Amino acid sequence: MSKTQIARYNIGQVIRHRLYEMRGVIFDVDASPAAADIGPMPGPGAPGVFYRMFAVDDQIPYVACIAEQDLLPDQSGEPVNHPEISGLLEVDEGGGYRRRKRLMN
């Protein structure tokens, strides 16, 4: 029997890494990522919720897949400057992001 997991963060939410200087905006939530996507799993009892995000570290944009336990909400109110965000997301009234009604190429 599989255990249902609830994601703590939402698509479009701006987050930061708990330890590293990385901020990003979530574009996908995955309760069972493929091992190839995340590399070696942490030890027993590792969390099952992972987030794919458009991330920026020292102004270098990339796509990341990070475990929920390693993330915190970002309270800075600053936008995430990643070139791929506008293809999937648009800025909402609260300073976060939401899915575009029409996807862009």
PDB file of N, CA and C in Angstrom:
ATOM      1  N   MET A   1       0.848  -1.173   0.000  1.00  0.00           N
ATOM      2  CA  MET A   1       0.000   0.000   0.000  1.00  0.00           C
ATOM      3  C   MET A   1       0.893   1.237   0.000  1.00  0.00           C
ATOM      4  N   SER A   2       0.609   2.174  -0.882  1.00  0.00           N
ATOM      5  CA  SER A   2       1.418   3.386  -0.945  1.00  0.00           C
ATOM      6  C   SER A   2       0.870   4.452  -0.007  1.00  0.00           C
ATOM      7  N   LYS A   3       1.752   5.260   0.473  1.00  0.00           N
ATOM      8  CA  LYS A   3       1.406   6.327   1.404  1.00  0.00           C
ATOM      9  C   LYS A   3       1.220   7.627   0.630  1.00  0.00           C
ATOM     10  N   THR A   4       0.112   8.320   0.851  1.00  0.00           N
ATOM     11  CA  THR A   4      -0.144   9.586   0.193  1.00  0.00           C
ATOM     12  C   THR A   4       0.720  10.670   0.817  1.00  0.00           C
ATOM     13  N   GLN A   5       1.341  11.479  -0.043  1.00  0.00           N
ATOM     14  CA  GLN A   5       2.183  12.563   0.449  1.00  0.00           C
ATOM     15  C   GLN A   5       1.600  13.888  -0.002  1.00  0.00           C
ATOM     16  N   ILE A   6       1.678  14.879   0.840  1.00  0.00           N
ATOM     17  CA  ILE A   6       1.173  16.202   0.534  1.00  0.00           C
ATOM     18  C   ILE A   6       2.355  17.148   0.405  1.00  0.00           C
ATOM     19  N   ALA A   7       2.384  17.884  -0.693  1.00  0.00           N
ATOM     20  CA  ALA A   7       3.468  18.836  -0.929  1.00  0.00           C
ATOM     21  C   ALA A   7       3.279  20.068  -0.048  1.00  0.00           C
ATOM     22  N   ARG A   8       4.357  20.526   0.546  1.00  0.00           N
ATOM     23  CA  ARG A   8       4.345  21.711   1.399  1.00  0.00           C
ATOM     24  C   ARG A   8       4.335  23.001   0.584  1.00  0.00           C
ATOM     25  N   TYR A   9       4.966  22.990  -0.591  1.00  0.00           N
ATOM     26  CA  TYR A   9       5.096  24.178  -1.417  1.00  0.00           C
ATOM     27  C   TYR A   9       4.270  24.041  -2.691  1.00  0.00           C
ATOM     28  N   ASN A  10       3.978  25.173  -3.321  1.00  0.00           N
ATOM     29  CA  ASN A  10       3.100  25.201  -4.494  1.00  0.00           C
ATOM     30  C   ASN A  10       3.846  25.577  -5.758  1.00  0.00           C
ATOM     31  N   ILE A  11       3.287  25.176  -6.893  1.00  0.00           N
ATOM     32  CA  ILE A  11       3.817  25.614  -8.182  1.00  0.00           C
ATOM     33  C   ILE A  11       3.693  27.130  -8.233  1.00  0.00           C
ATOM     34  N   GLY A  12       4.774  27.776  -8.640  1.00  0.00           N
ATOM     35  CA  GLY A  12       4.815  29.233  -8.706  1.00  0.00           C
ATOM     36  C   GLY A  12       5.373  29.896  -7.460  1.00  0.00           C
ATOM     37  N   GLN A  13       5.561  29.132  -6.400  1.00  0.00           N
ATOM     38  CA  GLN A  13       6.085  29.705  -5.153  1.00  0.00           C
ATOM     39  C   GLN A  13       7.590  29.908  -5.260  1.00  0.00           C
ATOM     40  N   VAL A  14       8.058  31.046  -4.756  1.00  0.00           N
ATOM     41  CA  VAL A  14       9.495  31.335  -4.734  1.00  0.00           C
ATOM     42  C   VAL A  14      10.065  30.733  -3.454  1.00  0.00           C
ATOM     43  N   ILE A  15      11.132  29.974  -3.597  1.00  0.00           N
ATOM     44  CA  ILE A  15      11.764  29.296  -2.455  1.00  0.00           C
ATOM     45  C   ILE A  15      13.270  29.552  -2.486  1.00  0.00           C
ATOM     46  N   ARG A  16      13.903  29.130  -1.412  1.00  0.00           N
ATOM     47  CA  ARG A  16      15.365  29.186  -1.356  1.00  0.00           C
ATOM     48  C   ARG A  16      15.856  27.891  -0.723  1.00  0.00           C
ATOM     49  N   HIS A  17      17.116  27.579  -0.979  1.00  0.00           N
ATOM     50  CA  HIS A  17      17.714  26.377  -0.396  1.00  0.00           C
ATOM     51  C   HIS A  17      18.045  26.648   1.064  1.00  0.00           C
ATOM     52  N   ARG A  18      17.877  25.661   1.884  1.00  0.00           N
ATOM     53  CA  ARG A  18      18.129  25.784   3.328  1.00  0.00           C
ATOM     54  C   ARG A  18      19.590  26.105   3.636  1.00  0.00           C
ATOM     55  N   LEU A  19      20.529  25.573   2.848  1.00  0.00           N
ATOM     56  CA  LEU A  19      21.951  25.736   3.151  1.00  0.00           C
ATOM     57  C   LEU A  19      22.723  26.572   2.141  1.00  0.00           C
ATOM     58  N   TYR A  20      22.342  26.496   0.878  1.00  0.00           N
ATOM     59  CA  TYR A  20      23.120  27.131  -0.183  1.00  0.00           C
ATOM     60  C   TYR A  20      22.469  28.417  -0.669  1.00  0.00           C
ATOM     61  N   GLU A  21      23.257  29.264  -1.307  1.00  0.00           N
ATOM     62  CA  GLU A  21      22.774  30.532  -1.847  1.00  0.00           C
ATOM     63  C   GLU A  21      22.065  30.272  -3.168  1.00  0.00           C
ATOM     64  N   MET A  22      20.895  29.687  -3.109  1.00  0.00           N
ATOM     65  CA  MET A  22      20.112  29.383  -4.294  1.00  0.00           C
ATOM     66  C   MET A  22      18.666  29.768  -4.039  1.00  0.00           C
ATOM     67  N   ARG A  23      18.078  30.459  -5.020  1.00  0.00           N
ATOM     68  CA  ARG A  23      16.654  30.793  -4.990  1.00  0.00           C
ATOM     69  C   ARG A  23      16.031  30.253  -6.261  1.00  0.00           C
ATOM     70  N   GLY A  24      14.737  29.990  -6.217  1.00  0.00           N
ATOM     71  CA  GLY A  24      14.085  29.503  -7.422  1.00  0.00           C
ATOM     72  C   GLY A  24      12.581  29.595  -7.330  1.00  0.00           C
ATOM     73  N   VAL A  25      11.942  29.291  -8.439  1.00  0.00           N
ATOM     74  CA  VAL A  25      10.486  29.249  -8.494  1.00  0.00           C
ATOM     75  C   VAL A  25      10.081  27.849  -8.956  1.00  0.00           C
ATOM     76  N   ILE A  26       9.166  27.239  -8.224  1.00  0.00           N
ATOM     77  CA  ILE A  26       8.748  25.864  -8.474  1.00  0.00           C
ATOM     78  C   ILE A  26       7.865  25.802  -9.715  1.00  0.00           C
ATOM     79  N   PHE A  27       8.176  24.833 -10.604  1.00  0.00           N
ATOM     80  CA  PHE A  27       7.313  24.624 -11.765  1.00  0.00           C
ATOM     81  C   PHE A  27       6.752  23.203 -11.827  1.00  0.00           C
ATOM     82  N   ASP A  28       7.205  22.298 -10.937  1.00  0.00           N
ATOM     83  CA  ASP A  28       6.690  20.931 -10.924  1.00  0.00           C
ATOM     84  C   ASP A  28       6.934  20.318  -9.553  1.00  0.00           C
ATOM     85  N   VAL A  29       6.016  19.457  -9.133  1.00  0.00           N
ATOM     86  CA  VAL A  29       6.133  18.737  -7.866  1.00  0.00           C
ATOM     87  C   VAL A  29       6.080  17.255  -8.191  1.00  0.00           C
ATOM     88  N   ASP A  30       6.983  16.483  -7.614  1.00  0.00           N
ATOM     89  CA  ASP A  30       7.074  15.057  -7.923  1.00  0.00           C
ATOM     90  C   ASP A  30       7.212  14.253  -6.637  1.00  0.00           C
ATOM     91  N   ALA A  31       6.251  13.376  -6.393  1.00  0.00           N
ATOM     92  CA  ALA A  31       6.293  12.541  -5.189  1.00  0.00           C
ATOM     93  C   ALA A  31       7.132  11.292  -5.382  1.00  0.00           C
ATOM     94  N   SER A  32       7.515  10.985  -6.609  1.00  0.00           N
ATOM     95  CA  SER A  32       8.336   9.799  -6.848  1.00  0.00           C
ATOM     96  C   SER A  32       9.280  10.034  -8.027  1.00  0.00           C
ATOM     97  N   PRO A  33      10.281  10.902  -7.849  1.00  0.00           N
ATOM     98  CA  PRO A  33      11.196  11.200  -8.954  1.00  0.00           C
ATOM     99  C   PRO A  33      12.046   9.992  -9.328  1.00  0.00           C
ATOM    100  N   ALA A  34      12.386   9.907 -10.594  1.00  0.00           N
ATOM    101  CA  ALA A  34      13.272   8.837 -11.059  1.00  0.00           C
ATOM    102  C   ALA A  34      14.659   9.039 -10.470  1.00  0.00           C
ATOM    103  N   ALA A  35      15.326   7.968 -10.162  1.00  0.00           N
ATOM    104  CA  ALA A  35      16.664   8.052  -9.561  1.00  0.00           C
ATOM    105  C   ALA A  35      17.620   8.838 -10.441  1.00  0.00           C
ATOM    106  N   ALA A  36      17.458   8.770 -11.745  1.00  0.00           N
ATOM    107  CA  ALA A  36      18.351   9.499 -12.652  1.00  0.00           C
ATOM    108  C   ALA A  36      18.191  11.010 -12.500  1.00  0.00           C
ATOM    109  N   ASP A  37      17.011  11.453 -12.084  1.00  0.00           N
ATOM    110  CA  ASP A  37      16.770  12.883 -11.933  1.00  0.00           C
ATOM    111  C   ASP A  37      17.464  13.477 -10.717  1.00  0.00           C
ATOM    112  N   ILE A  38      17.612  12.707  -9.659  1.00  0.00           N
ATOM    113  CA  ILE A  38      18.080  13.280  -8.399  1.00  0.00           C
ATOM    114  C   ILE A  38      19.398  12.730  -7.902  1.00  0.00           C
ATOM    115  N   GLY A  39      19.932  11.727  -8.558  1.00  0.00           N
ATOM    116  CA  GLY A  39      21.179  11.145  -8.084  1.00  0.00           C
ATOM    117  C   GLY A  39      20.914  10.201  -6.931  1.00  0.00           C
ATOM    118  N   PRO A  40      21.932   9.889  -6.128  1.00  0.00           N
ATOM    119  CA  PRO A  40      21.746   8.944  -5.036  1.00  0.00           C
ATOM    120  C   PRO A  40      20.764   9.471  -4.001  1.00  0.00           C
ATOM    121  N   MET A  41      19.910   8.603  -3.543  1.00  0.00           N
ATOM    122  CA  MET A  41      18.944   8.987  -2.519  1.00  0.00           C
ATOM    123  C   MET A  41      19.643   9.099  -1.173  1.00  0.00           C
ATOM    124  N   PRO A  42      19.200  10.055  -0.339  1.00  0.00           N
ATOM    125  CA  PRO A  42      19.713  10.114   1.021  1.00  0.00           C
ATOM    126  C   PRO A  42      19.321   8.831   1.757  1.00  0.00           C
ATOM    127  N   GLY A  43      19.737   8.669   2.960  1.00  0.00           N
ATOM    128  CA  GLY A  43      19.520   7.449   3.733  1.00  0.00           C
ATOM    129  C   GLY A  43      18.069   7.064   3.935  1.00  0.00           C
ATOM    130  N   PRO A  44      17.830   6.032   4.758  1.00  0.00           N
ATOM    131  CA  PRO A  44      16.477   5.560   5.020  1.00  0.00           C
ATOM    132  C   PRO A  44      15.598   6.686   5.558  1.00  0.00           C
ATOM    133  N   GLY A  45      14.338   6.642   5.187  1.00  0.00           N
ATOM    134  CA  GLY A  45      13.399   7.658   5.657  1.00  0.00           C
ATOM    135  C   GLY A  45      13.493   8.952   4.882  1.00  0.00           C
ATOM    136  N   ALA A  46      14.179   8.941   3.733  1.00  0.00           N
ATOM    137  CA  ALA A  46      14.308  10.154   2.924  1.00  0.00           C
ATOM    138  C   ALA A  46      12.934  10.607   2.459  1.00  0.00           C
ATOM    139  N   PRO A  47      12.724  11.904   2.372  1.00  0.00           N
ATOM    140  CA  PRO A  47      11.420  12.406   1.956  1.00  0.00           C
ATOM    141  C   PRO A  47      11.111  12.010   0.526  1.00  0.00           C
ATOM    142  N   GLY A  48       9.829  11.915   0.208  1.00  0.00           N
ATOM    143  CA  GLY A  48       9.452  11.513  -1.125  1.00  0.00           C
ATOM    144  C   GLY A  48       9.029  12.662  -2.016  1.00  0.00           C
ATOM    145  N   VAL A  49       8.898  13.870  -1.483  1.00  0.00           N
ATOM    146  CA  VAL A  49       8.449  14.993  -2.311  1.00  0.00           C
ATOM    147  C   VAL A  49       9.663  15.795  -2.772  1.00  0.00           C
ATOM    148  N   PHE A  50       9.745  15.950  -4.102  1.00  0.00           N
ATOM    149  CA  PHE A  50      10.823  16.725  -4.710  1.00  0.00           C
ATOM    150  C   PHE A  50      10.203  17.803  -5.576  1.00  0.00           C
ATOM    151  N   TYR A  51      10.910  18.903  -5.724  1.00  0.00           N
ATOM    152  CA  TYR A  51      10.428  20.037  -6.494  1.00  0.00           C
ATOM    153  C   TYR A  51      11.385  20.328  -7.630  1.00  0.00           C
ATOM    154  N   ARG A  52      10.815  20.509  -8.818  1.00  0.00           N
ATOM    155  CA  ARG A  52      11.613  20.968  -9.952  1.00  0.00           C
ATOM    156  C   ARG A  52      11.413  22.469 -10.030  1.00  0.00           C
ATOM    157  N   MET A  53      12.506  23.172 -10.202  1.00  0.00           N
ATOM    158  CA  MET A  53      12.401  24.625 -10.183  1.00  0.00           C
ATOM    159  C   MET A  53      13.381  25.284 -11.132  1.00  0.00           C
ATOM    160  N   PHE A  54      12.995  26.488 -11.539  1.00  0.00           N
ATOM    161  CA  PHE A  54      13.901  27.356 -12.256  1.00  0.00           C
ATOM    162  C   PHE A  54      14.706  28.046 -11.160  1.00  0.00           C
ATOM    163  N   ALA A  55      15.997  27.774 -11.115  1.00  0.00           N
ATOM    164  CA  ALA A  55      16.829  28.246 -10.017  1.00  0.00           C
ATOM    165  C   ALA A  55      17.917  29.194 -10.500  1.00  0.00           C
ATOM    166  N   VAL A  56      18.387  30.024  -9.573  1.00  0.00           N
ATOM    167  CA  VAL A  56      19.478  30.953  -9.836  1.00  0.00           C
ATOM    168  C   VAL A  56      20.448  30.882  -8.656  1.00  0.00           C
ATOM    169  N   ASP A  57      21.725  30.722  -8.981  1.00  0.00           N
ATOM    170  CA  ASP A  57      22.782  30.676  -7.970  1.00  0.00           C
ATOM    171  C   ASP A  57      23.905  31.564  -8.484  1.00  0.00           C
ATOM    172  N   ASP A  58      24.201  32.654  -7.780  1.00  0.00           N
ATOM    173  CA  ASP A  58      25.216  33.614  -8.244  1.00  0.00           C
ATOM    174  C   ASP A  58      24.909  34.101  -9.656  1.00  0.00           C
ATOM    175  N   GLN A  59      23.634  34.328  -9.928  1.00  0.00           N
ATOM    176  CA  GLN A  59      23.152  34.826 -11.215  1.00  0.00           C
ATOM    177  C   GLN A  59      23.331  33.848 -12.363  1.00  0.00           C
ATOM    178  N   ILE A  60      23.576  32.571 -12.071  1.00  0.00           N
ATOM    179  CA  ILE A  60      23.678  31.545 -13.101  1.00  0.00           C
ATOM    180  C   ILE A  60      22.367  30.759 -13.092  1.00  0.00           C
ATOM    181  N   PRO A  61      21.557  30.822 -14.162  1.00  0.00           N
ATOM    182  CA  PRO A  61      20.287  30.109 -14.186  1.00  0.00           C
ATOM    183  C   PRO A  61      20.465  28.628 -14.528  1.00  0.00           C
ATOM    184  N   TYR A  62      19.668  27.770 -13.900  1.00  0.00           N
ATOM    185  CA  TYR A  62      19.660  26.336 -14.181  1.00  0.00           C
ATOM    186  C   TYR A  62      18.341  25.758 -13.700  1.00  0.00           C
ATOM    187  N   VAL A  63      18.096  24.495 -14.014  1.00  0.00           N
ATOM    188  CA  VAL A  63      16.913  23.788 -13.534  1.00  0.00           C
ATOM    189  C   VAL A  63      17.381  22.812 -12.471  1.00  0.00           C
ATOM    190  N   ALA A  64      16.682  22.779 -11.337  1.00  0.00           N
ATOM    191  CA  ALA A  64      17.081  21.931 -10.213  1.00  0.00           C
ATOM    192  C   ALA A  64      15.926  21.034  -9.787  1.00  0.00           C
ATOM    193  N   CYS A  65      16.264  19.920  -9.172  1.00  0.00           N
ATOM    194  CA  CYS A  65      15.297  19.015  -8.554  1.00  0.00           C
ATOM    195  C   CYS A  65      15.777  18.811  -7.121  1.00  0.00           C
ATOM    196  N   ILE A  66      15.023  19.336  -6.145  1.00  0.00           N
ATOM    197  CA  ILE A  66      15.501  19.378  -4.767  1.00  0.00           C
ATOM    198  C   ILE A  66      14.441  18.821  -3.817  1.00  0.00           C
ATOM    199  N   ALA A  67      14.884  18.076  -2.808  1.00  0.00           N
ATOM    200  CA  ALA A  67      13.998  17.489  -1.804  1.00  0.00           C
ATOM    201  C   ALA A  67      13.351  18.579  -0.947  1.00  0.00           C
ATOM    202  N   GLU A  68      12.116  18.331  -0.578  1.00  0.00           N
ATOM    203  CA  GLU A  68      11.355  19.291   0.227  1.00  0.00           C
ATOM    204  C   GLU A  68      12.082  19.691   1.511  1.00  0.00           C
ATOM    205  N   GLN A  69      12.738  18.755   2.148  1.00  0.00           N
ATOM    206  CA  GLN A  69      13.414  19.042   3.419  1.00  0.00           C
ATOM    207  C   GLN A  69      14.545  20.054   3.281  1.00  0.00           C
ATOM    208  N   ASP A  70      15.023  20.284   2.056  1.00  0.00           N
ATOM    209  CA  ASP A  70      16.131  21.212   1.825  1.00  0.00           C
ATOM    210  C   ASP A  70      15.675  22.612   1.430  1.00  0.00           C
ATOM    211  N   LEU A  71      14.360  22.860   1.445  1.00  0.00           N
ATOM    212  CA  LEU A  71      13.837  24.140   0.974  1.00  0.00           C
ATOM    213  C   LEU A  71      13.134  24.925   2.070  1.00  0.00           C
ATOM    214  N   LEU A  72      13.127  26.241   1.886  1.00  0.00           N
ATOM    215  CA  LEU A  72      12.398  27.171   2.760  1.00  0.00           C
ATOM    216  C   LEU A  72      11.704  28.201   1.879  1.00  0.00           C
ATOM    217  N   PRO A  73      10.585  28.757   2.334  1.00  0.00           N
ATOM    218  CA  PRO A  73       9.960  29.831   1.557  1.00  0.00           C
ATOM    219  C   PRO A  73      10.885  31.038   1.490  1.00  0.00           C
ATOM    220  N   ASP A  74      10.896  31.724   0.361  1.00  0.00           N
ATOM    221  CA  ASP A  74      11.695  32.939   0.208  1.00  0.00           C
ATOM    222  C   ASP A  74      10.803  34.134   0.515  1.00  0.00           C
ATOM    223  N   GLN A  75      11.184  34.934   1.473  1.00  0.00           N
ATOM    224  CA  GLN A  75      10.384  36.073   1.909  1.00  0.00           C
ATOM    225  C   GLN A  75      10.915  37.398   1.378  1.00  0.00           C
ATOM    226  N   SER A  76      11.892  37.364   0.465  1.00  0.00           N
ATOM    227  CA  SER A  76      12.535  38.595   0.017  1.00  0.00           C
ATOM    228  C   SER A  76      11.636  39.469  -0.869  1.00  0.00           C
ATOM    229  N   GLY A  77      10.690  38.864  -1.579  1.00  0.00           N
ATOM    230  CA  GLY A  77       9.851  39.622  -2.487  1.00  0.00           C
ATOM    231  C   GLY A  77      10.540  39.943  -3.806  1.00  0.00           C
ATOM    232  N   GLU A  78      11.783  39.509  -3.974  1.00  0.00           N
ATOM    233  CA  GLU A  78      12.549  39.759  -5.198  1.00  0.00           C
ATOM    234  C   GLU A  78      12.164  38.736  -6.272  1.00  0.00           C
ATOM    235  N   PRO A  79      12.112  39.159  -7.530  1.00  0.00           N
ATOM    236  CA  PRO A  79      11.817  38.199  -8.599  1.00  0.00           C
ATOM    237  C   PRO A  79      12.993  37.247  -8.820  1.00  0.00           C
ATOM    238  N   VAL A  80      12.707  36.121  -9.437  1.00  0.00           N
ATOM    239  CA  VAL A  80      13.748  35.167  -9.814  1.00  0.00           C
ATOM    240  C   VAL A  80      14.053  35.435 -11.285  1.00  0.00           C
ATOM    241  N   ASN A  81      15.294  35.759 -11.595  1.00  0.00           N
ATOM    242  CA  ASN A  81      15.695  36.110 -12.957  1.00  0.00           C
ATOM    243  C   ASN A  81      16.218  34.884 -13.695  1.00  0.00           C
ATOM    244  N   HIS A  82      15.297  34.138 -14.274  1.00  0.00           N
ATOM    245  CA  HIS A  82      15.634  32.926 -15.020  1.00  0.00           C
ATOM    246  C   HIS A  82      14.983  33.027 -16.396  1.00  0.00           C
ATOM    247  N   PRO A  83      15.728  32.778 -17.475  1.00  0.00           N
ATOM    248  CA  PRO A  83      15.184  32.975 -18.822  1.00  0.00           C
ATOM    249  C   PRO A  83      14.033  32.047 -19.206  1.00  0.00           C
ATOM    250  N   GLU A  84      13.843  30.927 -18.515  1.00  0.00           N
ATOM    251  CA  GLU A  84      12.798  29.977 -18.896  1.00  0.00           C
ATOM    252  C   GLU A  84      11.473  30.189 -18.154  1.00  0.00           C
ATOM    253  N   ILE A  85      11.444  31.047 -17.154  1.00  0.00           N
ATOM    254  CA  ILE A  85      10.225  31.241 -16.359  1.00  0.00           C
ATOM    255  C   ILE A  85       9.057  31.692 -17.222  1.00  0.00           C
ATOM    256  N   SER A  86       9.272  32.663 -18.087  1.00  0.00           N
ATOM    257  CA  SER A  86       8.159  33.250 -18.847  1.00  0.00           C
ATOM    258  C   SER A  86       7.484  32.261 -19.784  1.00  0.00           C
ATOM    259  N   GLY A  87       8.117  31.152 -20.116  1.00  0.00           N
ATOM    260  CA  GLY A  87       7.498  30.145 -20.967  1.00  0.00           C
ATOM    261  C   GLY A  87       6.400  29.363 -20.268  1.00  0.00           C
ATOM    262  N   LEU A  88       6.491  29.215 -18.948  1.00  0.00           N
ATOM    263  CA  LEU A  88       5.513  28.433 -18.180  1.00  0.00           C
ATOM    264  C   LEU A  88       4.717  29.245 -17.174  1.00  0.00           C
ATOM    265  N   LEU A  89       5.328  30.297 -16.639  1.00  0.00           N
ATOM    266  CA  LEU A  89       4.735  31.030 -15.524  1.00  0.00           C
ATOM    267  C   LEU A  89       4.633  32.518 -15.830  1.00  0.00           C
ATOM    268  N   GLU A  90       3.736  33.181 -15.117  1.00  0.00           N
ATOM    269  CA  GLU A  90       3.634  34.637 -15.190  1.00  0.00           C
ATOM    270  C   GLU A  90       3.553  35.172 -13.768  1.00  0.00           C
ATOM    271  N   VAL A  91       3.905  36.418 -13.581  1.00  0.00           N
ATOM    272  CA  VAL A  91       3.902  37.037 -12.257  1.00  0.00           C
ATOM    273  C   VAL A  91       2.453  37.235 -11.807  1.00  0.00           C
ATOM    274  N   ASP A  92       2.174  36.893 -10.546  1.00  0.00           N
ATOM    275  CA  ASP A  92       0.833  37.138 -10.019  1.00  0.00           C
ATOM    276  C   ASP A  92       0.832  38.391  -9.154  1.00  0.00           C
ATOM    277  N   GLU A  93      -0.332  38.769  -8.669  1.00  0.00           N
ATOM    278  CA  GLU A  93      -0.480  40.007  -7.902  1.00  0.00           C
ATOM    279  C   GLU A  93       0.327  40.012  -6.605  1.00  0.00           C
ATOM    280  N   GLY A  94       0.558  38.850  -6.016  1.00  0.00           N
ATOM    281  CA  GLY A  94       1.257  38.768  -4.737  1.00  0.00           C
ATOM    282  C   GLY A  94       2.771  38.750  -4.854  1.00  0.00           C
ATOM    283  N   GLY A  95       3.310  38.888  -6.068  1.00  0.00           N
ATOM    284  CA  GLY A  95       4.758  38.870  -6.242  1.00  0.00           C
ATOM    285  C   GLY A  95       5.303  37.483  -6.516  1.00  0.00           C
ATOM    286  N   GLY A  96       4.449  36.465  -6.455  1.00  0.00           N
ATOM    287  CA  GLY A  96       4.860  35.108  -6.798  1.00  0.00           C
ATOM    288  C   GLY A  96       4.591  34.866  -8.277  1.00  0.00           C
ATOM    289  N   TYR A  97       4.417  33.621  -8.631  1.00  0.00           N
ATOM    290  CA  TYR A  97       4.178  33.251 -10.015  1.00  0.00           C
ATOM    291  C   TYR A  97       2.991  32.304 -10.086  1.00  0.00           C
ATOM    292  N   ARG A  98       2.363  32.228 -11.253  1.00  0.00           N
ATOM    293  CA  ARG A  98       1.281  31.269 -11.494  1.00  0.00           C
ATOM    294  C   ARG A  98       1.453  30.728 -12.911  1.00  0.00           C
ATOM    295  N   ARG A  99       0.828  29.582 -13.163  1.00  0.00           N
ATOM    296  CA  ARG A  99       0.907  28.993 -14.495  1.00  0.00           C
ATOM    297  C   ARG A  99       0.261  29.928 -15.513  1.00  0.00           C
ATOM    298  N   ARG A 100       0.876  29.989 -16.675  1.00  0.00           N
ATOM    299  CA  ARG A 100       0.297  30.767 -17.773  1.00  0.00           C
ATOM    300  C   ARG A 100      -0.960  30.067 -18.266  1.00  0.00           C
ATOM    301  N   LYS A 101      -1.938  30.843 -18.676  1.00  0.00           N
ATOM    302  CA  LYS A 101      -3.143  30.274 -19.251  1.00  0.00           C
ATOM    303  C   LYS A 101      -2.826  29.684 -20.626  1.00  0.00           C
ATOM    304  N   ARG A 102      -1.931  30.358 -21.348  1.00  0.00           N
ATOM    305  CA  ARG A 102      -1.448  29.862 -22.631  1.00  0.00           C
ATOM    306  C   ARG A 102       0.049  29.745 -22.557  1.00  0.00           C
ATOM    307  N   LEU A 103       0.560  28.568 -22.882  1.00  0.00           N
ATOM    308  CA  LEU A 103       2.003  28.376 -22.853  1.00  0.00           C
ATOM    309  C   LEU A 103       2.641  29.059 -24.044  1.00  0.00           C
ATOM    310  N   MET A 104       3.822  29.600 -23.817  1.00  0.00           N
ATOM    311  CA  MET A 104       4.581  30.267 -24.875  1.00  0.00           C
ATOM    312  C   MET A 104       5.643  29.325 -25.403  1.00  0.00           C
ATOM    313  N   ASN A 105       6.046  29.502 -26.643  1.00  0.00           N
ATOM    314  CA  ASN A 105       7.122  28.698 -27.219  1.00  0.00           C
ATOM    315  C   ASN A 105       8.449  29.248 -26.828  1.00  0.00           C
TER     316      ASN A 105
END
